[in-house]
Amino acid sequence: MKKKNKQQSSLSSSEELLELAVQYGAQEAEVYRVQSESYSVSFQSNRLKQIESAESQGTALRLWQDDSPGVAVAYGEFEPKLLVEKALNLSRLNPAEEIEITQGRIEDLSLSAKAEFDNQTFLEEGKKSIEAILHYYPDVICSANLDWGEEKTRLVNSRGLDCQYSDYSFSLMLGAEWVRSDDFLGIYDGESAHHLPKAQPIVDKILKSLAWSKRNVCAPNGKIPILFSSNAATMLWGTVVSALNAKYVLEDSSPWSDSLLEEVVSPKLRLWQDPTLEQAWCPFDDEGLPTKTVEFISQGVLQNFYSDLKRAKQLKITSSGNGFRSSLGSYPSPDLVNLIVEGGSSNLEQLISGLDCAILVEQVLGQEPDISGDFSLNIDLGYYIEQGQIKGRIKDTMIAGNVYTALKEVIALGNDNRWIGSCYTPSLIVDSLSVIG
């Protein structure tokens, strides 16, 4: 009953803000509100560390006065009149712009009935996962984090738009740190989903990595094939996401700005967005536009960019429903929802068996490549492959190259797609990258 009253108070506050904004002279206004609730259990050094819960509520008012925008943010309870005055004062400092705001419709969505967490299950799963690793490697120091969160989003504006939805997620992350003399090894893995992930597949992956890491070997220098695991492959897709962003296309900082309908990567690659999948399910963006499936690259050929309302108009295209706020106080800008990379037909073991001299990269250290695509990264966790077999773990080794060049040299994809954040990616083999030992 208490939560129901809290929700009712939240709804009336949004309408009140809109009315006040118009009353005080705003041409148009919108109220964006996010309520979140979270619960987490963490283990450190093989034992329970802490149990935490948190609730938060944030409200962003965006308005236009004399065509000039202003944004004001409040957290928790606030005085509506003060928030409106703050937004109006800020609008006087900004230059005039064309007002981009979504036309009215009413939509109330949620993924499914709320999934409650079970405190005892969290505790048991964390303890059981750590014990499973320690059974085989008693000298390893383990950590675990189990999280549950629910988020409610509502967007209303002065043109009659009223969209809201709620979503929730679970996550399970495990870590194993192995110290042998002056040799430190850290292995981390996990999964997020709309149900509590099963711990055993994550435990099995960490155990396999520990077995491969028993022996340290030297990696050869020079250009050799690189097998990126699903986890490591996200380093490549981050740059691709930037290159597909309409904001960078307009700035001509994307190397693909003038490459629509041209082959930009290996013909083996196909990438698209699917916001209907549960991992980062999102029915509408932060401008109130419905999200949709968008094909970006098909058989290596660039098909589309993604955009918000403002950049879509500048590019003279239709917005793809990808206008999102990086924070409550920021303006919407292009961002992706659920990037999908089509996998291949071979599992990881089969990919390894087909390589005579290569490196398997699991984790990297250092700043990930920016939109230029250039990178030089330390391999945090990697293995040397010789004649189709893992020979051991490599240390003090770097890989260097360019993302766009590497993606043109993709020669094989695995069938082991995994969710890493909101990217569903398989492992893949790049024909050659520079290795520096």
Protein backbone atom coordinates (compact mmCIF):
# COMPACT_ATOMS: atom_id res chain seq x y z
CA MET A 1 0.00 0.00 0.00
CA LYS A 2 2.86 2.34 0.81
CA LYS A 3 4.44 1.87 -2.62
CA LYS A 4 1.12 2.51 -4.33
CA ASN A 5 0.78 5.88 -2.57
CA LYS A 6 4.35 6.74 -3.50
CA GLN A 7 3.64 6.03 -7.17
CA GLN A 8 0.45 8.15 -7.08
CA SER A 9 2.37 11.10 -5.61
CA SER A 10 4.99 10.74 -8.36
CA LEU A 11 2.37 10.90 -11.11
CA SER A 12 0.65 14.05 -9.84
CA SER A 13 4.01 15.82 -9.48
CA SER A 14 4.78 15.36 -13.19
CA GLU A 15 1.53 17.00 -14.29
CA GLU A 16 2.02 19.80 -11.80
CA LEU A 17 5.46 20.56 -13.20
CA LEU A 18 4.12 20.76 -16.76
CA GLU A 19 1.30 23.09 -15.75
CA LEU A 20 3.64 25.35 -13.80
CA ALA A 21 6.18 25.48 -16.63
CA VAL A 22 3.56 26.62 -19.15
CA GLN A 23 2.03 28.99 -16.61
CA TYR A 24 5.44 30.65 -16.04
CA GLY A 25 6.00 31.20 -19.77
CA ALA A 26 7.49 28.04 -21.26
CA GLN A 27 6.53 27.35 -24.90
CA GLU A 28 6.97 23.59 -24.49
CA ALA A 29 8.02 21.38 -21.58
CA GLU A 30 8.67 17.75 -20.72
CA VAL A 31 9.18 15.86 -17.46
CA TYR A 32 11.42 12.79 -17.38
CA ARG A 33 11.32 10.72 -14.19
CA VAL A 34 13.19 7.59 -13.14
CA GLN A 35 12.52 5.59 -9.96
CA SER A 36 14.84 2.73 -9.05
CA GLU A 37 15.12 0.11 -6.36
CA SER A 38 18.06 -2.26 -5.89
CA TYR A 39 19.30 -5.04 -3.65
CA SER A 40 22.75 -6.62 -3.63
CA VAL A 41 24.76 -9.27 -1.81
CA SER A 42 28.55 -9.25 -2.08
CA PHE A 43 31.22 -11.73 -1.06
CA GLN A 44 34.91 -10.88 -0.75
CA SER A 45 37.92 -13.00 0.21
CA ASN A 46 35.75 -16.15 0.16
CA ARG A 47 33.20 -14.85 2.65
CA LEU A 48 30.13 -12.64 2.91
CA LYS A 49 31.05 -8.96 2.94
CA GLN A 50 27.80 -6.97 2.91
CA ILE A 51 24.11 -6.81 2.04
CA GLU A 52 22.79 -3.56 0.63
CA SER A 53 19.49 -2.11 -0.55
CA ALA A 54 18.77 1.29 -2.05
CA GLU A 55 15.96 3.38 -3.50
CA SER A 56 16.22 6.55 -5.56
CA GLN A 57 14.05 8.91 -7.56
CA GLY A 58 15.17 11.57 -10.01
CA THR A 59 13.21 14.14 -12.01
CA ALA A 60 14.41 16.18 -14.98
CA LEU A 61 12.41 19.14 -16.32
CA ARG A 62 13.30 20.30 -19.83
CA LEU A 63 11.58 23.37 -21.27
CA TRP A 64 11.92 26.02 -23.96
CA GLN A 65 11.45 29.74 -23.50
CA ASP A 66 11.81 31.99 -26.57
CA ASP A 67 13.10 28.84 -28.35
CA SER A 68 15.96 28.50 -25.84
CA PRO A 69 16.24 25.22 -23.88
CA GLY A 70 16.78 24.82 -20.15
CA VAL A 71 17.12 21.67 -18.02
CA ALA A 72 16.81 21.39 -14.24
CA VAL A 73 17.15 18.25 -12.12
CA ALA A 74 15.91 17.24 -8.67
CA TYR A 75 16.36 14.10 -6.61
CA GLY A 76 13.85 12.80 -4.09
CA GLU A 77 11.25 15.27 -2.82
CA PHE A 78 11.43 18.80 -4.26
CA GLU A 79 9.51 22.05 -4.61
CA PRO A 80 8.01 22.18 -8.16
CA LYS A 81 8.03 25.98 -8.37
CA LEU A 82 11.77 26.18 -7.61
CA LEU A 83 12.58 23.55 -10.24
CA VAL A 84 10.58 25.44 -12.90
CA GLU A 85 12.29 28.73 -12.05
CA LYS A 86 15.72 27.09 -12.24
CA ALA A 87 14.98 25.64 -15.70
CA LEU A 88 13.69 29.00 -16.94
CA ASN A 89 16.76 30.83 -15.64
CA LEU A 90 19.07 28.34 -17.35
CA SER A 91 17.17 28.70 -20.64
CA ARG A 92 18.07 32.41 -20.70
CA LEU A 93 21.74 31.43 -20.89
CA ASN A 94 21.34 29.17 -23.93
CA PRO A 95 21.00 30.10 -27.62
CA ALA A 96 17.71 29.53 -29.44
CA GLU A 97 17.23 26.23 -31.25
CA GLU A 98 14.55 24.38 -33.17
CA ILE A 99 12.28 22.66 -30.66
CA GLU A 100 12.29 18.86 -31.06
CA ILE A 101 9.59 17.23 -29.00
CA THR A 102 7.45 14.12 -29.57
CA GLN A 103 3.76 14.40 -30.37
CA GLY A 104 1.25 13.10 -27.84
CA ARG A 105 0.24 9.52 -27.20
CA ILE A 106 -0.40 7.45 -24.06
CA GLU A 107 1.48 4.22 -23.42
CA ASP A 108 1.94 2.17 -20.24
CA LEU A 109 4.21 -0.85 -20.61
CA SER A 110 6.15 -3.31 -18.49
CA LEU A 111 8.18 -6.37 -19.37
CA SER A 112 6.20 -8.71 -17.11
CA ALA A 113 5.09 -9.03 -13.53
CA LYS A 114 7.69 -7.81 -11.06
CA ALA A 115 10.29 -10.45 -10.23
CA GLU A 116 11.10 -10.39 -6.54
CA PHE A 117 14.50 -11.30 -5.20
CA ASP A 118 14.99 -13.91 -2.50
CA ASN A 119 17.58 -12.95 0.11
CA GLN A 120 18.28 -16.53 1.14
CA THR A 121 18.71 -17.67 -2.47
CA PHE A 122 21.23 -14.89 -3.09
CA LEU A 123 23.24 -15.93 -0.03
CA GLU A 124 23.18 -19.63 -0.92
CA GLU A 125 24.12 -19.08 -4.57
CA GLY A 126 27.06 -16.88 -3.67
CA LYS A 127 28.37 -19.29 -1.08
CA LYS A 128 27.85 -22.35 -3.29
CA SER A 129 29.63 -20.73 -6.27
CA ILE A 130 32.69 -19.85 -4.21
CA GLU A 131 32.84 -23.33 -2.67
CA ALA A 132 32.70 -24.91 -6.14
CA ILE A 133 35.83 -23.00 -7.20
CA LEU A 134 37.69 -23.57 -3.91
CA HIS A 135 37.03 -27.32 -4.16
CA TYR A 136 39.48 -27.51 -7.09
CA TYR A 137 41.67 -24.49 -6.29
CA PRO A 138 41.82 -23.97 -2.50
CA ASP A 139 44.51 -21.27 -2.81
CA VAL A 140 42.32 -19.00 -4.91
CA ILE A 141 40.66 -15.93 -3.38
CA CYS A 142 37.08 -15.61 -4.63
CA SER A 143 34.55 -12.81 -4.83
CA ALA A 144 30.89 -12.74 -5.84
CA ASN A 145 28.23 -10.11 -6.42
CA LEU A 146 24.53 -10.89 -6.78
CA ASP A 147 22.26 -7.97 -7.68
CA TRP A 148 18.59 -7.32 -8.31
CA GLY A 149 17.20 -4.02 -9.57
CA GLU A 150 13.94 -2.53 -10.80
CA GLU A 151 13.58 0.73 -12.69
CA LYS A 152 10.46 2.71 -13.60
CA THR A 153 10.61 5.38 -16.30
CA ARG A 154 7.97 7.95 -17.17
CA LEU A 155 8.03 10.74 -19.77
CA VAL A 156 5.28 13.34 -20.16
CA ASN A 157 5.24 16.53 -22.22
CA SER A 158 3.10 19.56 -23.04
CA ARG A 159 1.91 18.00 -26.31
CA GLY A 160 0.04 15.20 -24.56
CA LEU A 161 2.76 12.55 -24.50
CA ASP A 162 2.55 10.18 -21.51
CA CYS A 163 4.76 7.08 -21.77
CA GLN A 164 5.90 4.86 -18.95
CA TYR A 165 7.37 1.41 -18.45
CA SER A 166 9.07 -0.65 -15.78
CA ASP A 167 11.88 -3.16 -16.09
CA TYR A 168 13.99 -5.30 -13.78
CA SER A 169 17.17 -7.36 -13.92
CA PHE A 170 19.31 -9.84 -12.00
CA SER A 171 23.07 -10.25 -12.25
CA LEU A 172 25.64 -12.70 -10.93
CA MET A 173 29.36 -11.87 -11.13
CA LEU A 174 32.18 -14.13 -9.93
CA GLY A 175 35.89 -13.48 -9.55
CA ALA A 176 38.92 -15.65 -8.80
CA GLU A 177 42.32 -14.21 -7.88
CA TRP A 178 45.34 -16.49 -7.77
CA VAL A 179 48.63 -15.29 -6.29
CA ARG A 180 51.70 -17.45 -6.90
CA SER A 181 54.90 -15.79 -5.67
CA ASP A 182 55.08 -12.56 -7.73
CA ASP A 183 52.53 -13.83 -10.28
CA PHE A 184 49.03 -12.37 -9.93
CA LEU A 185 46.11 -13.77 -11.92
CA GLY A 186 42.60 -12.32 -11.89
CA ILE A 187 39.69 -14.00 -13.69
CA TYR A 188 36.23 -12.43 -13.72
CA ASP A 189 33.00 -13.51 -15.35
CA GLY A 190 29.26 -13.13 -14.94
CA GLU A 191 25.88 -12.71 -16.52
CA SER A 192 22.83 -10.45 -16.33
CA ALA A 193 19.26 -11.51 -17.14
CA HIS A 194 15.61 -11.12 -16.17
CA HIS A 195 16.01 -14.11 -13.86
CA LEU A 196 18.82 -15.06 -11.52
CA PRO A 197 21.53 -16.52 -13.83
CA LYS A 198 22.64 -20.08 -13.25
CA ALA A 199 25.95 -20.10 -11.43
CA GLN A 200 27.36 -23.40 -12.75
CA PRO A 201 28.18 -22.24 -16.35
CA ILE A 202 30.02 -19.22 -14.90
CA VAL A 203 31.88 -21.43 -12.40
CA ASP A 204 32.82 -23.87 -15.19
CA LYS A 205 34.23 -21.06 -17.32
CA ILE A 206 36.38 -19.76 -14.45
CA LEU A 207 37.61 -23.30 -13.67
CA LYS A 208 38.60 -23.78 -17.33
CA SER A 209 40.49 -20.48 -17.30
CA LEU A 210 42.31 -21.48 -14.10
CA ALA A 211 43.30 -24.81 -15.68
CA TRP A 212 44.65 -23.04 -18.77
CA SER A 213 46.59 -20.64 -16.52
CA LYS A 214 48.56 -23.24 -14.55
CA ARG A 215 51.52 -22.76 -16.86
CA ASN A 216 52.98 -19.46 -18.09
CA VAL A 217 54.45 -19.36 -21.60
CA CYS A 218 55.96 -16.72 -23.88
CA ALA A 219 54.02 -15.34 -26.82
CA PRO A 220 55.70 -14.82 -30.20
CA ASN A 221 56.20 -11.28 -31.46
CA GLY A 222 54.91 -10.11 -34.82
CA LYS A 223 51.63 -10.39 -36.67
CA ILE A 224 49.62 -13.50 -35.86
CA PRO A 225 45.91 -14.47 -35.71
CA ILE A 226 44.01 -13.30 -32.63
CA LEU A 227 40.99 -15.13 -31.22
CA PHE A 228 38.85 -12.73 -29.21
CA SER A 229 36.49 -14.38 -26.71
CA SER A 230 32.96 -12.97 -26.41
CA ASN A 231 34.10 -10.92 -23.44
CA ALA A 232 37.12 -9.42 -25.23
CA ALA A 233 35.25 -8.83 -28.51
CA THR A 234 33.24 -6.01 -26.93
CA MET A 235 36.42 -3.92 -27.23
CA LEU A 236 35.86 -3.94 -30.99
CA TRP A 237 32.12 -3.27 -30.92
CA GLY A 238 32.51 -0.15 -28.79
CA THR A 239 34.25 1.58 -31.69
CA VAL A 240 31.64 0.31 -34.17
CA VAL A 241 28.86 1.77 -32.01
CA SER A 242 30.58 5.16 -32.18
CA ALA A 243 31.04 4.94 -35.96
CA LEU A 244 27.29 4.26 -36.40
CA ASN A 245 26.28 7.22 -34.22
CA ALA A 246 24.56 10.02 -36.19
CA LYS A 247 26.22 12.60 -33.93
CA TYR A 248 29.69 11.58 -35.14
CA VAL A 249 28.44 11.16 -38.70
CA LEU A 250 27.36 14.82 -38.71
CA GLU A 251 30.70 15.88 -37.27
CA ASP A 252 32.52 13.85 -39.97
CA SER A 253 34.51 12.17 -37.21
CA SER A 254 33.07 8.78 -38.14
CA PRO A 255 35.13 7.10 -40.88
CA TRP A 256 31.85 5.71 -42.21
CA SER A 257 30.13 9.10 -42.66
CA ASP A 258 30.11 8.72 -46.46
CA SER A 259 30.04 4.92 -46.63
CA LEU A 260 26.32 4.03 -46.70
CA LEU A 261 25.69 0.93 -48.87
CA GLU A 262 29.43 0.29 -49.08
CA GLU A 263 31.37 -2.68 -47.69
CA VAL A 264 33.06 -1.47 -44.49
CA VAL A 265 33.88 -4.75 -42.69
CA SER A 266 34.28 -8.44 -43.48
CA PRO A 267 31.35 -9.97 -45.44
CA LYS A 268 31.07 -12.49 -42.59
CA LEU A 269 29.69 -9.78 -40.27
CA ARG A 270 26.07 -8.84 -39.67
CA LEU A 271 25.05 -6.40 -36.88
CA TRP A 272 21.68 -5.04 -35.86
CA GLN A 273 19.72 -3.56 -32.97
CA ASP A 274 16.80 -5.39 -31.38
CA PRO A 275 15.21 -3.51 -28.43
CA THR A 276 12.53 -6.20 -27.99
CA LEU A 277 15.00 -8.66 -26.46
CA GLU A 278 14.88 -8.90 -22.70
CA GLN A 279 18.50 -8.06 -21.90
CA ALA A 280 18.06 -4.29 -22.25
CA TRP A 281 14.40 -4.24 -23.27
CA CYS A 282 13.27 -0.71 -23.98
CA PRO A 283 9.90 0.12 -25.63
CA PHE A 284 10.61 3.83 -26.16
CA ASP A 285 13.59 6.16 -25.99
CA ASP A 286 14.06 9.17 -23.71
CA GLU A 287 12.31 11.39 -26.26
CA GLY A 288 9.18 9.21 -26.22
CA LEU A 289 9.70 7.65 -29.66
CA PRO A 290 9.09 3.89 -30.00
CA THR A 291 12.35 1.95 -30.36
CA LYS A 292 12.67 -0.45 -33.29
CA THR A 293 14.83 -3.11 -34.87
CA VAL A 294 17.48 -1.55 -37.13
CA GLU A 295 19.85 -3.39 -39.47
CA PHE A 296 23.26 -1.70 -39.38
CA ILE A 297 25.60 -4.00 -41.29
CA SER A 298 24.62 -6.90 -43.55
CA GLN A 299 27.27 -9.10 -45.19
CA GLY A 300 29.80 -6.39 -44.38
CA VAL A 301 27.77 -3.62 -46.07
CA LEU A 302 26.77 -0.51 -44.07
CA GLN A 303 22.97 -0.13 -44.10
CA ASN A 304 21.98 2.48 -41.49
CA PHE A 305 23.05 4.84 -38.73
CA TYR A 306 21.13 5.40 -35.49
CA SER A 307 19.88 8.81 -34.36
CA ASP A 308 17.79 10.96 -32.06
CA LEU A 309 15.25 13.58 -33.22
CA LYS A 310 17.73 16.44 -33.56
CA ARG A 311 20.37 14.58 -35.58
CA ALA A 312 17.76 12.81 -37.71
CA LYS A 313 16.42 16.16 -38.89
CA GLN A 314 19.93 17.41 -39.64
CA LEU A 315 20.67 14.27 -41.66
CA LYS A 316 17.21 14.42 -43.29
CA ILE A 317 16.34 10.92 -42.13
CA THR A 318 13.71 9.48 -39.81
CA SER A 319 14.74 9.12 -36.17
CA SER A 320 15.46 5.49 -35.28
CA GLY A 321 14.16 6.03 -31.73
CA ASN A 322 17.65 6.13 -30.23
CA GLY A 323 17.56 9.38 -28.27
CA PHE A 324 18.79 8.65 -24.74
CA ARG A 325 20.11 10.70 -21.82
CA SER A 326 23.48 9.80 -20.39
CA SER A 327 22.27 11.36 -17.12
CA LEU A 328 19.16 13.10 -15.84
CA GLY A 329 20.58 16.54 -16.52
CA SER A 330 21.77 15.84 -20.05
CA TYR A 331 19.99 16.36 -23.36
CA PRO A 332 19.01 13.28 -25.38
CA SER A 333 21.67 12.10 -27.81
CA PRO A 334 22.06 8.94 -29.94
CA ASP A 335 22.71 5.67 -28.10
CA LEU A 336 22.10 2.00 -28.89
CA VAL A 337 19.77 -0.62 -27.40
CA ASN A 338 20.81 -4.29 -27.63
CA LEU A 339 23.50 -4.59 -30.30
CA ILE A 340 23.35 -8.08 -31.84
CA VAL A 341 26.30 -9.64 -33.69
CA GLU A 342 25.39 -12.70 -35.72
CA GLY A 343 27.42 -15.75 -34.74
CA GLY A 344 28.99 -18.52 -36.80
CA SER A 345 28.85 -22.31 -36.73
CA SER A 346 31.86 -23.33 -34.59
CA ASN A 347 32.21 -23.43 -30.83
CA LEU A 348 35.24 -21.99 -29.04
CA GLU A 349 37.08 -25.32 -28.87
CA GLN A 350 36.65 -25.82 -32.62
CA LEU A 351 37.97 -22.33 -33.31
CA ILE A 352 41.02 -23.07 -31.14
CA SER A 353 41.67 -26.42 -32.84
CA GLY A 354 41.89 -24.73 -36.25
CA LEU A 355 44.73 -22.38 -35.25
CA ASP A 356 48.43 -23.31 -35.57
CA CYS A 357 49.96 -20.23 -33.93
CA ALA A 358 47.64 -17.67 -32.33
CA ILE A 359 46.59 -15.91 -29.15
CA LEU A 360 43.28 -16.23 -27.33
CA VAL A 361 42.39 -12.93 -25.64
CA GLU A 362 39.94 -13.08 -22.70
CA GLN A 363 40.51 -9.78 -20.87
CA VAL A 364 42.36 -6.57 -21.80
CA LEU A 365 43.72 -3.67 -19.76
CA GLY A 366 43.88 -0.04 -20.75
CA GLN A 367 41.70 2.56 -22.41
CA GLU A 368 39.53 1.04 -25.12
CA PRO A 369 39.92 2.46 -28.64
CA ASP A 370 38.02 5.63 -29.48
CA ILE A 371 36.31 6.41 -32.78
CA SER A 372 39.67 6.52 -34.59
CA GLY A 373 39.90 2.77 -33.98
CA ASP A 374 43.59 2.74 -33.04
CA PHE A 375 44.52 0.64 -30.02
CA SER A 376 47.49 -0.68 -28.10
CA LEU A 377 46.30 -2.75 -25.16
CA ASN A 378 47.83 -5.00 -22.52
CA ILE A 379 46.43 -8.51 -22.44
CA ASP A 380 45.16 -8.93 -18.90
CA LEU A 381 44.19 -12.55 -19.49
CA GLY A 382 45.24 -14.43 -22.61
CA TYR A 383 46.60 -17.78 -23.81
CA TYR A 384 49.02 -18.97 -26.45
CA ILE A 385 47.60 -21.43 -28.98
CA GLU A 386 49.96 -23.81 -30.81
CA GLN A 387 48.88 -26.55 -33.21
CA GLY A 388 45.27 -26.24 -32.12
CA GLN A 389 45.90 -26.48 -28.37
CA ILE A 390 46.18 -24.07 -25.45
CA LYS A 391 49.82 -24.14 -24.33
CA GLY A 392 49.49 -21.80 -21.36
CA ARG A 393 48.88 -18.29 -20.15
CA ILE A 394 50.83 -15.36 -21.58
CA LYS A 395 52.05 -12.40 -19.54
CA ASP A 396 53.49 -8.95 -20.27
CA THR A 397 52.05 -8.99 -23.78
CA MET A 398 50.31 -6.30 -25.83
CA ILE A 399 48.21 -6.30 -28.99
CA ALA A 400 48.09 -3.31 -31.31
CA GLY A 401 46.21 -2.37 -34.44
CA ASN A 402 43.10 -0.63 -35.71
CA VAL A 403 39.53 -1.79 -35.12
CA TYR A 404 38.30 -0.98 -38.64
CA THR A 405 41.21 -2.84 -40.23
CA ALA A 406 40.76 -5.78 -37.85
CA LEU A 407 37.05 -6.10 -38.68
CA LYS A 408 37.89 -6.33 -42.37
CA GLU A 409 40.09 -9.32 -41.50
CA VAL A 410 37.57 -11.36 -39.50
CA ILE A 411 37.93 -14.91 -40.81
CA ALA A 412 35.67 -16.87 -38.44
CA LEU A 413 32.91 -16.38 -35.85
CA GLY A 414 31.91 -18.66 -33.00
CA ASN A 415 28.44 -19.93 -32.16
CA ASP A 416 28.97 -18.98 -28.51
CA ASN A 417 27.05 -15.67 -28.41
CA ARG A 418 26.83 -14.19 -24.90
CA TRP A 419 25.34 -11.06 -23.42
CA ILE A 420 28.15 -8.75 -22.36
CA GLY A 421 26.25 -5.76 -21.04
CA SER A 422 23.69 -5.01 -23.77
CA CYS A 423 25.81 -6.50 -26.57
CA TYR A 424 25.09 -10.06 -27.74
CA THR A 425 28.38 -11.15 -29.29
CA PRO A 426 30.20 -14.34 -30.27
CA SER A 427 33.94 -14.99 -30.16
CA LEU A 428 35.76 -14.21 -33.41
CA ILE A 429 39.12 -14.64 -35.14
CA VAL A 430 41.01 -11.72 -36.70
CA ASP A 431 43.51 -12.89 -39.32
CA SER A 432 46.43 -10.90 -37.92
CA LEU A 433 47.26 -8.26 -35.34
CA SER A 434 50.58 -7.04 -33.99
CA VAL A 435 51.73 -8.83 -30.84
CA ILE A 436 54.41 -7.29 -28.65
CA GLY A 437 55.86 -9.40 -25.86
